[in-house]
Amino acid sequence: MLGFGDAGPAAAAMAGVTAALPPPPAVPGVPVLGNALRMMGDVQQFFVDAYRDVGPVFRVRALNQSFVIMAGAAANRLLLERGEALFTSEESFGGLDREFGMRVHVLRGRPHRELRRILGAGLSRDLLAARWEQVTAETERMLDGWAQRPAVAVVDGCQRLAAAQLSIAYTGASSAARFETLRSAFELVLDVTIAGKWPAATLRWPAYRRARAEIHRFARAALAERAAAGPGEGPPDLLDRALAAPYPPDVQAGMALQGYFAGVNTVAYLYSFMVDVLLRNPEVLARVTAEVDAAGPLTFDRLRALPALHGLVMETLRVYPPAPGSARTALEPFDFEGHRIEAGQRVLVATCVPHQLPEHFPDPQRFDIDRDFAAARRASLYAPFSVGGHTCLGAGMTQVLAVATVALLVRRLRLAPATPGRPLRITATPGPNPGRRFKVSAAPRAA
């Protein structure tokens, strides 16, 4: 997700491949495992360290898989300007299409842009505004449930919360009753097809096949129910857009599943990291709480007038990006920063490495909710949701919903770490998150 001129325009891959150029250097690893242990933890920090030690393009190996990592401003610019011509996503994301009909991840060119346009309209922030009272009521109900438990596993709690919020916003009904099935199946597909954590044969397990079939029935039933009932009040939602789209039923079902899929991972992990940030930074928590207390009734329109909360979301995305890299496969050989990348090579553009470079973000180790992101966003150096044609469609909704969720959380609960002093232990799969062992105690906040 060094300015672009740090190595000159010729540093980026342009026309004219020089066959004599060497392959990218390899990051030193250990026998058999290669770089797997480092990449299983804080993968963003691993990319930053390797960038500093080896340079802007390098090779890594994790067990039987190898990747070329491209990082820095020139890499982001390349993905933005030439990504469509140089790369395909089929090898990395084809599993989502094969298993759940999520075709948008693998299309290219005009078909990709058209499907993104339709999906983007169905994932609009306008839906959150239209269903604000339903979403906030469900959020408050679920947060109040945290206070009834001796300890809350934060990642699990945030996954359940985000999945319920997004399914209500995007489809008008909560997916909470099928949460376990949705999470287990989606995470397994990601671990097999993208992370390579498990062999492809894992997707033939009977338990997974049953879960997959249940998810398909769920999506088809939701579409059939909407088709029978017709569009409701407010803007057309994800189900309406899917039904009206000129695609076969399996792809329409995959479109309907996009809202549930996003909540189980990206949004939930952002919430989880924000909880950790607030517990480790009392001054940030105090400032955010004071801002929320002064806001009065929390309407959708008032979300815009919460600068500390917006700063918290933006800075958390900088430090803990939900998508530290964009996985692709090279369609043709090309040159980058004095090295040759071959056709067919799996490539990961580590778009968020600039987040940790002082030339772009002064004092990057300091968590600063007053940081100015405007210039970095314009230059595609702030890229928590990647850059280019495959930028996350739900990025806008994620940021608005994160502001709302933290506002409701600090207004209703007082959180404390269940294990004070426990260090943050990031795990990389199926997406960077604080791990299953991160727990908090929650108590109702006194009026």
Protein backbone atom coordinates (compact mmCIF):
# COMPACT_ATOMS: atom_id res chain seq x y z
CA MET A 1 0.00 0.00 0.00
CA LEU A 2 12.68 8.30 -0.90
CA GLY A 3 10.46 10.36 -3.27
CA PHE A 4 9.76 8.98 -6.72
CA GLY A 5 12.76 10.89 -7.92
CA ASP A 6 15.11 9.16 -5.50
CA ALA A 7 16.36 6.88 -8.27
CA GLY A 8 15.12 8.85 -11.27
CA PRO A 9 12.32 8.02 -13.72
CA ALA A 10 14.46 5.32 -15.31
CA ALA A 11 14.36 3.39 -12.04
CA ALA A 12 10.75 2.40 -12.68
CA ALA A 13 10.05 -0.31 -15.18
CA MET A 14 9.65 1.22 -18.63
CA ALA A 15 9.87 -0.08 -22.17
CA GLY A 16 13.02 -1.94 -23.15
CA VAL A 17 14.04 -4.90 -21.03
CA THR A 18 17.77 -5.48 -20.64
CA ALA A 19 18.34 -9.23 -20.55
CA ALA A 20 21.82 -8.79 -19.07
CA LEU A 21 20.47 -7.25 -15.86
CA PRO A 22 20.78 -9.45 -12.77
CA PRO A 23 17.80 -10.88 -10.88
CA PRO A 24 16.83 -9.18 -7.63
CA PRO A 25 19.03 -10.04 -4.64
CA ALA A 26 17.75 -12.57 -2.11
CA VAL A 27 17.02 -11.66 1.50
CA PRO A 28 19.08 -13.99 3.72
CA GLY A 29 16.97 -16.68 5.39
CA VAL A 30 17.31 -19.97 7.21
CA PRO A 31 17.52 -23.45 5.69
CA VAL A 32 14.23 -24.98 4.51
CA LEU A 33 12.05 -22.20 5.97
CA GLY A 34 13.73 -19.34 4.16
CA ASN A 35 12.09 -16.09 5.31
CA ALA A 36 8.88 -17.78 6.47
CA LEU A 37 9.27 -17.08 10.19
CA ARG A 38 9.70 -13.35 9.67
CA MET A 39 6.84 -13.20 7.19
CA MET A 40 4.48 -15.05 9.55
CA GLY A 41 4.74 -12.22 12.06
CA ASP A 42 4.95 -8.48 11.41
CA VAL A 43 5.25 -8.74 7.65
CA GLN A 44 5.08 -4.96 7.17
CA GLN A 45 8.15 -4.48 9.39
CA PHE A 46 9.92 -7.29 7.55
CA PHE A 47 9.38 -5.49 4.24
CA VAL A 48 10.65 -2.21 5.69
CA ASP A 49 13.75 -3.86 7.18
CA ALA A 50 14.53 -5.69 3.94
CA TYR A 51 14.06 -2.48 1.93
CA ARG A 52 16.62 -0.74 4.14
CA ASP A 53 19.07 -3.64 4.14
CA VAL A 54 18.81 -4.93 0.57
CA GLY A 55 17.19 -2.24 -1.55
CA PRO A 56 13.92 -1.50 -3.37
CA VAL A 57 13.61 -4.92 -5.05
CA PHE A 58 14.49 -8.29 -3.51
CA ARG A 59 13.59 -11.95 -3.47
CA VAL A 60 12.10 -13.79 -0.50
CA ARG A 61 11.35 -17.45 0.07
CA ALA A 62 8.80 -19.01 2.40
CA LEU A 63 9.01 -22.80 2.39
CA ASN A 64 8.27 -23.83 -1.22
CA GLN A 65 7.15 -20.39 -2.40
CA SER A 66 9.24 -17.54 -3.75
CA PHE A 67 8.30 -13.94 -4.44
CA VAL A 68 9.92 -10.79 -5.76
CA ILE A 69 9.15 -7.87 -3.46
CA MET A 70 9.12 -4.37 -4.94
CA ALA A 71 9.04 -1.51 -2.45
CA GLY A 72 9.37 2.25 -2.19
CA ALA A 73 7.94 5.22 -4.04
CA ALA A 74 8.98 3.96 -7.48
CA ALA A 75 7.22 0.65 -6.89
CA ASN A 76 3.98 2.37 -5.93
CA ARG A 77 4.21 4.60 -8.98
CA LEU A 78 4.80 1.58 -11.20
CA LEU A 79 1.76 -0.25 -9.83
CA LEU A 80 -0.35 2.87 -10.27
CA GLU A 81 0.75 3.66 -13.83
CA ARG A 82 1.69 0.30 -15.35
CA GLY A 83 0.10 -2.31 -13.13
CA GLU A 84 -2.69 -3.12 -15.58
CA ALA A 85 -0.24 -3.87 -18.40
CA LEU A 86 2.47 -5.65 -16.41
CA PHE A 87 0.58 -7.84 -13.96
CA THR A 88 -2.27 -10.28 -13.50
CA SER A 89 -4.02 -11.20 -10.24
CA GLU A 90 -5.27 -14.59 -11.43
CA GLU A 91 -2.68 -16.73 -9.64
CA SER A 92 -2.99 -14.86 -6.33
CA PHE A 93 -6.74 -14.22 -6.20
CA GLY A 94 -8.18 -16.78 -8.60
CA GLY A 95 -9.18 -18.95 -5.65
CA LEU A 96 -11.72 -16.36 -4.52
CA ASP A 97 -13.33 -16.48 -7.94
CA ARG A 98 -13.23 -20.28 -8.27
CA GLU A 99 -14.58 -20.87 -4.77
CA PHE A 100 -17.04 -17.97 -4.35
CA GLY A 101 -17.55 -16.30 -7.72
CA MET A 102 -15.67 -13.13 -6.70
CA ARG A 103 -14.65 -12.31 -10.26
CA VAL A 104 -13.64 -8.71 -9.64
CA HIS A 105 -10.32 -9.85 -8.14
CA VAL A 106 -9.10 -11.48 -11.37
CA LEU A 107 -10.56 -9.45 -14.25
CA ARG A 108 -8.48 -6.96 -16.21
CA GLY A 109 -9.18 -4.04 -18.52
CA ARG A 110 -12.70 -2.86 -19.33
CA PRO A 111 -14.51 -5.88 -17.78
CA HIS A 112 -12.71 -5.22 -14.51
CA ARG A 113 -13.51 -1.53 -14.53
CA GLU A 114 -17.19 -2.21 -15.27
CA LEU A 115 -17.59 -4.73 -12.45
CA ARG A 116 -15.76 -2.39 -10.07
CA ARG A 117 -18.15 0.39 -11.04
CA ILE A 118 -21.18 -1.73 -10.21
CA LEU A 119 -19.72 -3.07 -6.97
CA GLY A 120 -18.51 0.37 -5.93
CA ALA A 121 -22.06 1.70 -6.14
CA GLY A 122 -23.23 -1.21 -3.99
CA LEU A 123 -20.53 -0.61 -1.35
CA SER A 124 -21.18 3.11 -1.04
CA ARG A 125 -21.00 5.09 2.19
CA ASP A 126 -24.47 6.35 1.30
CA LEU A 127 -25.77 2.96 2.46
CA LEU A 128 -24.30 3.54 5.91
CA ALA A 129 -26.06 6.90 6.06
CA ALA A 130 -29.37 5.36 4.97
CA ARG A 131 -29.13 2.54 7.53
CA TRP A 132 -27.36 4.47 10.24
CA GLU A 133 -29.86 3.75 13.01
CA GLN A 134 -29.86 0.00 12.28
CA VAL A 135 -26.06 -0.16 12.19
CA THR A 136 -25.56 1.86 15.37
CA ALA A 137 -28.22 -0.12 17.26
CA GLU A 138 -26.50 -3.40 16.35
CA THR A 139 -23.09 -1.92 17.22
CA GLU A 140 -24.29 -0.77 20.64
CA ARG A 141 -25.92 -4.13 21.32
CA MET A 142 -22.75 -6.04 20.48
CA LEU A 143 -20.47 -3.67 22.41
CA ASP A 144 -22.71 -3.93 25.47
CA GLY A 145 -22.23 -7.69 25.20
CA TRP A 146 -18.49 -7.20 25.66
CA ALA A 147 -19.12 -5.85 29.16
CA GLN A 148 -20.92 -9.07 30.11
CA ARG A 149 -17.84 -11.25 29.60
CA PRO A 150 -14.81 -11.60 31.88
CA ALA A 151 -12.51 -11.08 28.89
CA VAL A 152 -13.02 -10.27 25.23
CA ALA A 153 -10.84 -11.77 22.51
CA VAL A 154 -10.47 -8.55 20.55
CA VAL A 155 -9.91 -9.93 17.05
CA ASP A 156 -12.84 -12.33 17.37
CA GLY A 157 -15.10 -9.65 18.85
CA CYS A 158 -14.17 -7.14 16.14
CA GLN A 159 -14.69 -9.70 13.38
CA ARG A 160 -18.20 -10.44 14.61
CA LEU A 161 -18.93 -6.74 14.99
CA ALA A 162 -17.62 -5.70 11.56
CA ALA A 163 -19.36 -8.56 9.75
CA ALA A 164 -22.70 -7.63 11.35
CA GLN A 165 -22.26 -3.91 10.64
CA LEU A 166 -21.33 -4.33 6.99
CA SER A 167 -23.95 -6.94 6.22
CA ILE A 168 -26.64 -4.62 7.61
CA ALA A 169 -25.28 -1.62 5.69
CA TYR A 170 -24.79 -3.48 2.41
CA THR A 171 -27.78 -5.87 2.44
CA GLY A 172 -30.17 -4.70 5.16
CA ALA A 173 -29.80 -7.83 7.33
CA SER A 174 -27.15 -9.10 9.75
CA SER A 175 -25.08 -12.15 8.86
CA ALA A 176 -24.40 -12.93 12.54
CA ALA A 177 -26.19 -16.29 12.44
CA ARG A 178 -23.75 -17.57 9.81
CA PHE A 179 -20.65 -15.83 11.09
CA GLU A 180 -18.69 -18.94 12.07
CA THR A 181 -19.26 -20.57 8.69
CA LEU A 182 -18.39 -17.42 6.76
CA ARG A 183 -15.22 -16.78 8.74
CA SER A 184 -13.83 -20.31 8.65
CA ALA A 185 -14.41 -20.75 4.92
CA PHE A 186 -13.13 -17.32 3.86
CA GLU A 187 -10.02 -17.51 6.02
CA LEU A 188 -9.16 -20.98 4.77
CA VAL A 189 -9.46 -19.87 1.16
CA LEU A 190 -7.16 -16.92 1.83
CA ASP A 191 -4.62 -19.08 3.64
CA VAL A 192 -4.58 -21.62 0.79
CA THR A 193 -4.81 -19.48 -2.32
CA ILE A 194 -3.03 -16.25 -1.35
CA ALA A 195 -0.77 -16.93 1.64
CA GLY A 196 0.10 -20.48 0.58
CA LYS A 197 -0.10 -21.50 4.23
CA TRP A 198 -1.89 -24.78 3.40
CA PRO A 199 -1.84 -27.01 0.29
CA ALA A 200 -4.61 -26.74 -2.30
CA ALA A 201 -5.88 -30.17 -1.28
CA THR A 202 -7.13 -28.55 1.94
CA LEU A 203 -10.04 -27.12 -0.04
CA ARG A 204 -11.29 -30.65 -0.62
CA TRP A 205 -11.84 -31.29 3.09
CA PRO A 206 -15.48 -32.33 3.71
CA ALA A 207 -15.95 -29.72 6.44
CA TYR A 208 -14.84 -26.94 4.11
CA ARG A 209 -16.98 -28.23 1.23
CA ARG A 210 -20.04 -28.24 3.49
CA ALA A 211 -19.28 -24.69 4.64
CA ARG A 212 -18.78 -23.54 1.05
CA ALA A 213 -22.10 -25.06 0.00
CA GLU A 214 -23.87 -23.39 2.92
CA ILE A 215 -22.40 -20.00 1.98
CA HIS A 216 -23.53 -20.38 -1.62
CA ARG A 217 -27.05 -21.30 -0.47
CA PHE A 218 -27.04 -18.28 1.84
CA ALA A 219 -26.05 -15.89 -0.96
CA ARG A 220 -28.55 -17.35 -3.45
CA ALA A 221 -31.34 -17.23 -0.87
CA ALA A 222 -30.59 -13.59 -0.05
CA LEU A 223 -30.75 -12.69 -3.73
CA ALA A 224 -33.96 -14.66 -4.29
CA GLU A 225 -35.62 -13.01 -1.29
CA ARG A 226 -34.66 -9.55 -2.54
CA ALA A 227 -35.82 -10.35 -6.06
CA ALA A 228 -39.22 -11.37 -4.69
CA ALA A 229 -39.56 -8.39 -2.36
CA GLY A 230 -38.14 -5.78 -4.70
CA PRO A 231 -35.88 -2.83 -3.77
CA GLY A 232 -36.55 -1.17 -0.45
CA GLU A 233 -36.36 2.48 0.50
CA GLY A 234 -33.12 4.39 0.15
CA PRO A 235 -30.29 3.88 -2.35
CA PRO A 236 -29.95 0.49 -4.09
CA ASP A 237 -27.76 -1.78 -1.98
CA LEU A 238 -25.37 -4.60 -2.83
CA LEU A 239 -28.15 -7.13 -3.43
CA ASP A 240 -30.01 -4.75 -5.74
CA ARG A 241 -26.84 -4.05 -7.72
CA ALA A 242 -26.01 -7.76 -8.01
CA LEU A 243 -29.48 -8.64 -9.26
CA ALA A 244 -29.38 -5.90 -11.88
CA ALA A 245 -25.87 -6.78 -13.07
CA PRO A 246 -25.46 -8.63 -16.41
CA TYR A 247 -23.66 -11.61 -14.92
CA PRO A 248 -24.48 -15.30 -14.37
CA PRO A 249 -26.00 -16.34 -11.01
CA ASP A 250 -22.71 -17.57 -9.53
CA VAL A 251 -21.07 -14.18 -10.10
CA GLN A 252 -24.14 -12.35 -8.76
CA ALA A 253 -23.85 -14.50 -5.62
CA GLY A 254 -20.14 -13.62 -5.39
CA MET A 255 -21.04 -9.95 -5.62
CA ALA A 256 -23.50 -10.37 -2.75
CA LEU A 257 -20.81 -12.02 -0.63
CA GLN A 258 -18.37 -9.11 -1.00
CA GLY A 259 -19.93 -7.25 1.93
CA TYR A 260 -19.55 -10.18 4.31
CA PHE A 261 -16.06 -11.06 3.11
CA ALA A 262 -14.65 -7.59 3.80
CA GLY A 263 -15.94 -7.41 7.35
CA VAL A 264 -14.40 -10.66 8.49
CA ASN A 265 -10.88 -9.44 7.80
CA THR A 266 -9.82 -5.95 6.78
CA VAL A 267 -12.31 -3.88 8.77
CA ALA A 268 -12.10 -6.09 11.85
CA TYR A 269 -8.32 -6.00 11.95
CA LEU A 270 -8.36 -2.21 11.74
CA TYR A 271 -10.74 -2.09 14.72
CA SER A 272 -8.48 -4.48 16.65
CA PHE A 273 -5.36 -2.40 16.08
CA MET A 274 -7.22 0.79 17.09
CA VAL A 275 -8.20 -0.85 20.39
CA ASP A 276 -4.53 -1.69 20.99
CA VAL A 277 -3.46 1.85 20.07
CA LEU A 278 -5.95 3.42 22.51
CA LEU A 279 -4.79 1.17 25.36
CA ARG A 280 -1.11 1.94 24.72
CA ASN A 281 -1.61 5.70 24.22
CA PRO A 282 -3.64 7.14 27.13
CA GLU A 283 -3.28 10.67 25.80
CA VAL A 284 -4.87 9.65 22.49
CA LEU A 285 -7.69 7.85 24.31
CA ALA A 286 -8.34 10.92 26.49
CA ARG A 287 -8.42 13.24 23.52
CA VAL A 288 -10.71 11.00 21.45
CA THR A 289 -13.05 10.47 24.40
CA ALA A 290 -13.31 14.20 25.09
CA GLU A 291 -14.08 14.84 21.42
CA VAL A 292 -16.85 12.22 21.40
CA ASP A 293 -18.33 13.48 24.67
CA ALA A 294 -18.53 16.99 23.26
CA ALA A 295 -20.15 15.86 20.01
CA GLY A 296 -23.65 15.35 21.39
CA PRO A 297 -25.95 12.87 19.64
CA LEU A 298 -23.86 10.78 17.29
CA THR A 299 -25.57 11.23 13.93
CA PHE A 300 -24.01 10.22 10.62
CA ASP A 301 -23.47 13.85 9.64
CA ARG A 302 -21.56 14.56 12.87
CA LEU A 303 -18.91 11.97 12.02
CA ARG A 304 -17.24 14.56 9.80
CA ALA A 305 -16.69 16.88 12.76
CA LEU A 306 -14.45 14.50 14.74
CA PRO A 307 -10.88 15.37 13.65
CA ALA A 308 -9.12 13.45 16.43
CA LEU A 309 -11.01 10.30 15.55
CA HIS A 310 -10.29 10.71 11.84
CA GLY A 311 -6.63 11.22 12.72
CA LEU A 312 -6.68 8.05 14.82
CA VAL A 313 -8.06 6.02 11.91
CA MET A 314 -5.61 7.46 9.37
CA GLU A 315 -2.58 6.99 11.62
CA THR A 316 -3.59 3.45 12.57
CA LEU A 317 -3.84 2.62 8.87
CA ARG A 318 -0.36 4.07 8.37
CA VAL A 319 1.26 2.06 11.15
CA TYR A 320 -0.81 -1.11 10.76
CA PRO A 321 -1.99 -1.23 7.13
CA PRO A 322 -4.56 -3.96 6.41
CA ALA A 323 -2.96 -4.70 3.04
CA PRO A 324 0.83 -4.19 3.30
CA GLY A 325 1.31 -5.47 -0.22
CA SER A 326 -0.47 -6.24 -3.47
CA ALA A 327 0.17 -9.74 -4.81
CA ARG A 328 0.49 -10.08 -8.59
CA THR A 329 2.13 -12.22 -11.30
CA ALA A 330 4.28 -10.67 -14.03
CA LEU A 331 2.76 -10.99 -17.50
CA GLU A 332 6.00 -10.12 -19.28
CA PRO A 333 9.66 -9.54 -18.36
CA PHE A 334 10.53 -6.03 -17.23
CA ASP A 335 13.27 -4.03 -15.53
CA PHE A 336 12.97 -2.39 -12.14
CA GLU A 337 15.69 -0.53 -10.26
CA GLY A 338 18.49 -2.24 -12.20
CA HIS A 339 17.13 -5.77 -11.91
CA ARG A 340 15.20 -8.06 -14.23
CA ILE A 341 11.84 -9.58 -13.27
CA GLU A 342 10.84 -12.51 -15.46
CA ALA A 343 7.42 -13.28 -16.91
CA GLY A 344 5.51 -15.64 -14.64
CA GLN A 345 7.32 -14.44 -11.51
CA ARG A 346 5.08 -13.90 -8.50
CA VAL A 347 5.49 -10.29 -7.38
CA LEU A 348 4.33 -8.46 -4.29
CA VAL A 349 4.37 -4.68 -4.42
CA ALA A 350 4.88 -3.65 -0.79
CA THR A 351 2.84 -0.47 -1.15
CA CYS A 352 3.04 0.50 2.54
CA VAL A 353 6.83 0.54 2.97
CA PRO A 354 6.84 4.35 2.43
CA HIS A 355 4.65 4.63 5.55
CA GLN A 356 7.71 3.92 7.68
CA LEU A 357 10.27 6.07 5.83
CA PRO A 358 11.16 9.40 7.50
CA GLU A 359 11.58 11.18 4.17
CA HIS A 360 7.84 10.77 3.64
CA PHE A 361 6.52 10.66 7.21
CA PRO A 362 8.74 12.53 9.69
CA ASP A 363 9.47 10.58 12.87
CA PRO A 364 7.56 7.54 11.59
CA GLN A 365 7.88 5.63 14.88
CA ARG A 366 5.78 8.27 16.66
CA PHE A 367 2.03 7.70 16.66
CA ASP A 368 0.66 11.12 15.69
CA ILE A 369 -3.05 11.64 15.10
CA ASP A 370 -2.34 15.20 13.88
CA ARG A 371 -0.19 14.02 11.00
CA ASP A 372 -0.89 15.64 7.61
CA PHE A 373 -1.51 12.98 4.97
CA ALA A 374 -2.53 15.20 2.05
CA ALA A 375 0.75 15.26 0.12
CA ALA A 376 1.46 11.57 0.72
CA ARG A 377 -2.00 10.60 -0.53
CA ARG A 378 -1.57 12.64 -3.71
CA ALA A 379 1.78 10.97 -4.37
CA SER A 380 0.43 7.46 -3.64
CA LEU A 381 2.86 7.14 -0.73
CA TYR A 382 0.04 6.65 1.76
CA ALA A 383 -1.50 3.43 0.49
CA PRO A 384 -3.15 1.34 3.23
CA PHE A 385 -5.59 -0.08 0.65
CA SER A 386 -3.09 -0.42 -2.22
CA VAL A 387 -2.94 1.84 -5.31
CA GLY A 388 -4.11 1.59 -8.87
CA GLY A 389 -6.95 -0.34 -10.44
CA HIS A 390 -7.26 -2.90 -7.65
CA THR A 391 -7.50 -0.45 -4.74
CA CYS A 392 -9.91 -1.79 -2.11
CA LEU A 393 -13.47 -0.92 -3.11
CA GLY A 394 -14.56 -0.64 0.52
CA ALA A 395 -11.84 1.79 1.60
CA GLY A 396 -14.20 4.74 2.03
CA MET A 397 -16.77 2.75 3.98
CA THR A 398 -14.02 1.25 6.15
CA GLN A 399 -12.71 4.63 7.25
CA VAL A 400 -16.13 6.13 7.99
CA LEU A 401 -17.33 3.04 9.83
CA ALA A 402 -14.10 2.93 11.87
CA VAL A 403 -14.70 6.48 13.07
CA ALA A 404 -18.27 5.60 14.05
CA THR A 405 -17.29 2.37 15.81
CA VAL A 406 -14.58 3.90 17.97
CA ALA A 407 -16.88 6.80 18.84
CA LEU A 408 -19.54 4.36 20.05
CA LEU A 409 -16.96 2.23 21.85
CA VAL A 410 -15.38 5.02 23.92
CA ARG A 411 -18.82 6.43 24.69
CA ARG A 412 -20.14 3.13 26.08
CA LEU A 413 -17.16 1.18 27.46
CA ARG A 414 -14.01 1.42 29.49
CA LEU A 415 -11.44 -1.06 28.26
CA ALA A 416 -8.36 -2.41 29.98
CA PRO A 417 -5.82 -4.99 28.82
CA ALA A 418 -6.59 -8.45 30.17
CA THR A 419 -2.82 -9.03 30.49
CA PRO A 420 -1.15 -5.69 31.30
CA GLY A 421 2.28 -5.28 29.79
CA ARG A 422 1.78 -7.98 27.16
CA PRO A 423 3.66 -6.96 23.99
CA LEU A 424 1.83 -6.63 20.70
CA ARG A 425 2.31 -9.84 18.69
CA ILE A 426 1.28 -9.36 15.08
CA THR A 427 0.41 -12.35 12.93
CA ALA A 428 0.39 -12.05 9.15
CA THR A 429 -2.36 -14.41 8.05
CA PRO A 430 -4.98 -14.28 6.75
CA GLY A 431 -4.19 -10.57 7.12
CA PRO A 432 -2.05 -8.58 9.58
CA ASN A 433 -3.79 -8.60 12.96
CA PRO A 434 -2.94 -8.46 16.70
CA GLY A 435 -3.51 -12.18 17.17
CA ARG A 436 -6.08 -14.36 18.88
CA ARG A 437 -4.49 -13.93 22.30
CA PHE A 438 -5.09 -10.17 22.45
CA LYS A 439 -7.81 -9.80 25.08
CA VAL A 440 -9.36 -6.93 27.02
CA SER A 441 -11.73 -6.51 29.90
CA ALA A 442 -14.69 -4.22 29.29
CA ALA A 443 -16.93 -2.37 31.71
CA PRO A 444 -19.84 0.00 31.07
CA ARG A 445 -18.73 3.59 31.14
CA ALA A 446 -20.39 5.58 33.90
CA ALA A 447 -22.75 8.25 32.66
